[in-house]
């Protein structure tokens, strides 16, 4: 993973700027945010889609659409891991690259093999 986050010409070396890198590798890039105000920035960075995580039933609308979630969130409280896991395809992965502000209480994640 560190190779993917190395400095790109003309960009800052941070995970948010990796949209353009993943897109240039042929990935369809989704950005997850709780703020609709970030839509312009997200589009400018190269994301093809935006998922609002404060939208009711966002996990049902995007059920099993993603292969990988690369989380840069540094806040643990309010992180909806149960809902995020439902966005992943079977065999998908959630990776965190942000340093959390507290210990993350991770219990069993929902069974992604169910069609609920």
Protein backbone atom coordinates (compact mmCIF):
# COMPACT_ATOMS: atom_id res chain seq x y z
CA UNK A 1 0.00 0.00 0.00
CA UNK A 2 2.73 2.62 0.67
CA UNK A 3 3.63 2.62 -3.02
CA UNK A 4 0.12 3.76 -3.89
CA UNK A 5 0.38 6.74 -1.58
CA UNK A 6 3.74 8.04 -2.72
CA UNK A 7 3.87 11.59 -3.96
CA UNK A 8 2.36 12.11 -7.38
CA UNK A 9 3.67 14.94 -9.56
CA UNK A 10 1.70 18.07 -8.73
CA UNK A 11 -0.19 16.60 -5.78
CA UNK A 12 0.12 16.35 -2.04
CA UNK A 13 1.09 12.94 -0.63
CA UNK A 14 -2.01 12.05 1.32
CA UNK A 15 -4.71 9.39 1.02
CA UNK A 16 -7.36 11.86 -0.15
CA UNK A 17 -5.27 12.56 -3.25
CA UNK A 18 -5.09 8.86 -4.08
CA UNK A 19 -8.42 9.10 -5.97
CA UNK A 20 -6.64 10.13 -9.15
CA UNK A 21 -4.07 7.38 -8.76
CA UNK A 22 -6.66 4.62 -8.32
CA UNK A 23 -8.71 6.07 -11.18
CA UNK A 24 -5.67 6.09 -13.46
CA UNK A 25 -5.21 2.40 -12.65
CA UNK A 26 -8.70 1.70 -14.02
CA UNK A 27 -10.60 1.63 -10.73
CA UNK A 28 -14.07 3.09 -10.43
CA UNK A 29 -13.58 5.41 -7.45
CA UNK A 30 -16.27 6.06 -4.85
CA UNK A 31 -15.86 8.64 -2.09
CA UNK A 32 -17.70 8.20 1.19
CA UNK A 33 -18.51 11.31 3.18
CA UNK A 34 -21.08 12.57 5.66
CA UNK A 35 -20.99 16.08 4.18
CA UNK A 36 -22.63 17.05 0.90
CA UNK A 37 -20.51 20.24 1.06
CA UNK A 38 -17.49 18.14 0.04
CA UNK A 39 -19.05 17.12 -3.30
CA UNK A 40 -17.12 19.66 -5.38
CA UNK A 41 -13.78 18.71 -3.80
CA UNK A 42 -14.52 15.01 -4.25
CA UNK A 43 -15.33 15.47 -7.93
CA UNK A 44 -12.22 17.64 -8.43
CA UNK A 45 -10.05 14.93 -6.88
CA UNK A 46 -11.34 12.44 -9.44
CA UNK A 47 -13.94 10.31 -7.69
CA UNK A 48 -16.63 8.97 -10.03
CA UNK A 49 -19.26 8.50 -7.30
CA UNK A 50 -20.09 9.88 -3.86
CA UNK A 51 -21.88 7.99 -1.08
CA UNK A 52 -23.36 10.12 1.72
CA UNK A 53 -22.97 8.11 4.91
CA UNK A 54 -25.52 10.22 6.79
CA UNK A 55 -28.18 9.41 4.18
CA UNK A 56 -30.84 7.00 5.44
CA UNK A 57 -30.20 3.41 4.28
CA UNK A 58 -27.09 4.30 2.26
CA UNK A 59 -25.83 0.78 2.93
CA UNK A 60 -28.90 -0.73 1.27
CA UNK A 61 -28.66 1.52 -1.78
CA UNK A 62 -25.01 0.53 -2.33
CA UNK A 63 -25.16 -3.05 -1.00
CA UNK A 64 -22.12 -5.09 -2.11
CA UNK A 65 -20.89 -2.50 -4.63
CA UNK A 66 -17.32 -2.07 -3.38
CA UNK A 67 -14.24 -4.28 -3.47
CA UNK A 68 -12.18 -2.07 -1.16
CA UNK A 69 -12.84 0.73 1.31
CA UNK A 70 -9.74 2.76 2.11
CA UNK A 71 -10.67 4.72 5.21
CA UNK A 72 -8.79 7.88 6.15
CA UNK A 73 -11.11 8.68 9.07
CA UNK A 74 -9.37 9.56 12.32
CA UNK A 75 -12.52 9.66 14.50
CA UNK A 76 -13.71 6.39 16.00
CA UNK A 77 -16.96 7.58 17.57
CA UNK A 78 -19.82 7.41 15.09
CA UNK A 79 -17.93 5.35 12.50
CA UNK A 80 -20.66 3.02 11.17
CA UNK A 81 -18.54 -0.11 10.65
CA UNK A 82 -21.62 -2.33 10.49
CA UNK A 83 -23.06 -0.28 7.62
CA UNK A 84 -19.72 0.14 5.85
CA UNK A 85 -19.21 -3.61 5.85
CA UNK A 86 -22.46 -4.01 3.91
CA UNK A 87 -21.01 -1.94 1.06
CA UNK A 88 -18.32 -4.56 0.49
CA UNK A 89 -18.62 -7.41 -1.97
CA UNK A 90 -18.00 -10.88 -0.56
CA UNK A 91 -14.23 -11.07 -0.10
CA UNK A 92 -13.95 -7.26 -0.03
CA UNK A 93 -11.70 -5.42 2.41
CA UNK A 94 -11.84 -2.37 4.66
CA UNK A 95 -8.41 -0.83 5.26
CA UNK A 96 -7.71 2.05 7.61
CA UNK A 97 -4.82 4.41 6.98
CA UNK A 98 -5.81 7.16 9.43
CA UNK A 99 -4.62 7.10 13.03
CA UNK A 100 -7.70 6.82 15.25
CA UNK A 101 -8.31 9.25 18.08
CA UNK A 102 -9.32 6.37 20.39
CA UNK A 103 -9.33 2.59 20.55
CA UNK A 104 -11.77 1.22 18.02
CA UNK A 105 -14.25 -1.15 19.65
CA UNK A 106 -14.50 -3.70 16.86
CA UNK A 107 -16.76 -6.61 17.56
CA UNK A 108 -18.09 -9.14 15.10
CA UNK A 109 -19.04 -7.49 11.84
CA UNK A 110 -22.37 -8.44 10.25
CA UNK A 111 -22.40 -11.51 8.08
CA UNK A 112 -21.94 -10.10 4.57
CA UNK A 113 -23.11 -13.37 3.05
CA UNK A 114 -26.71 -12.69 4.06
CA UNK A 115 -29.05 -10.84 1.73
CA UNK A 116 -30.60 -8.50 4.28
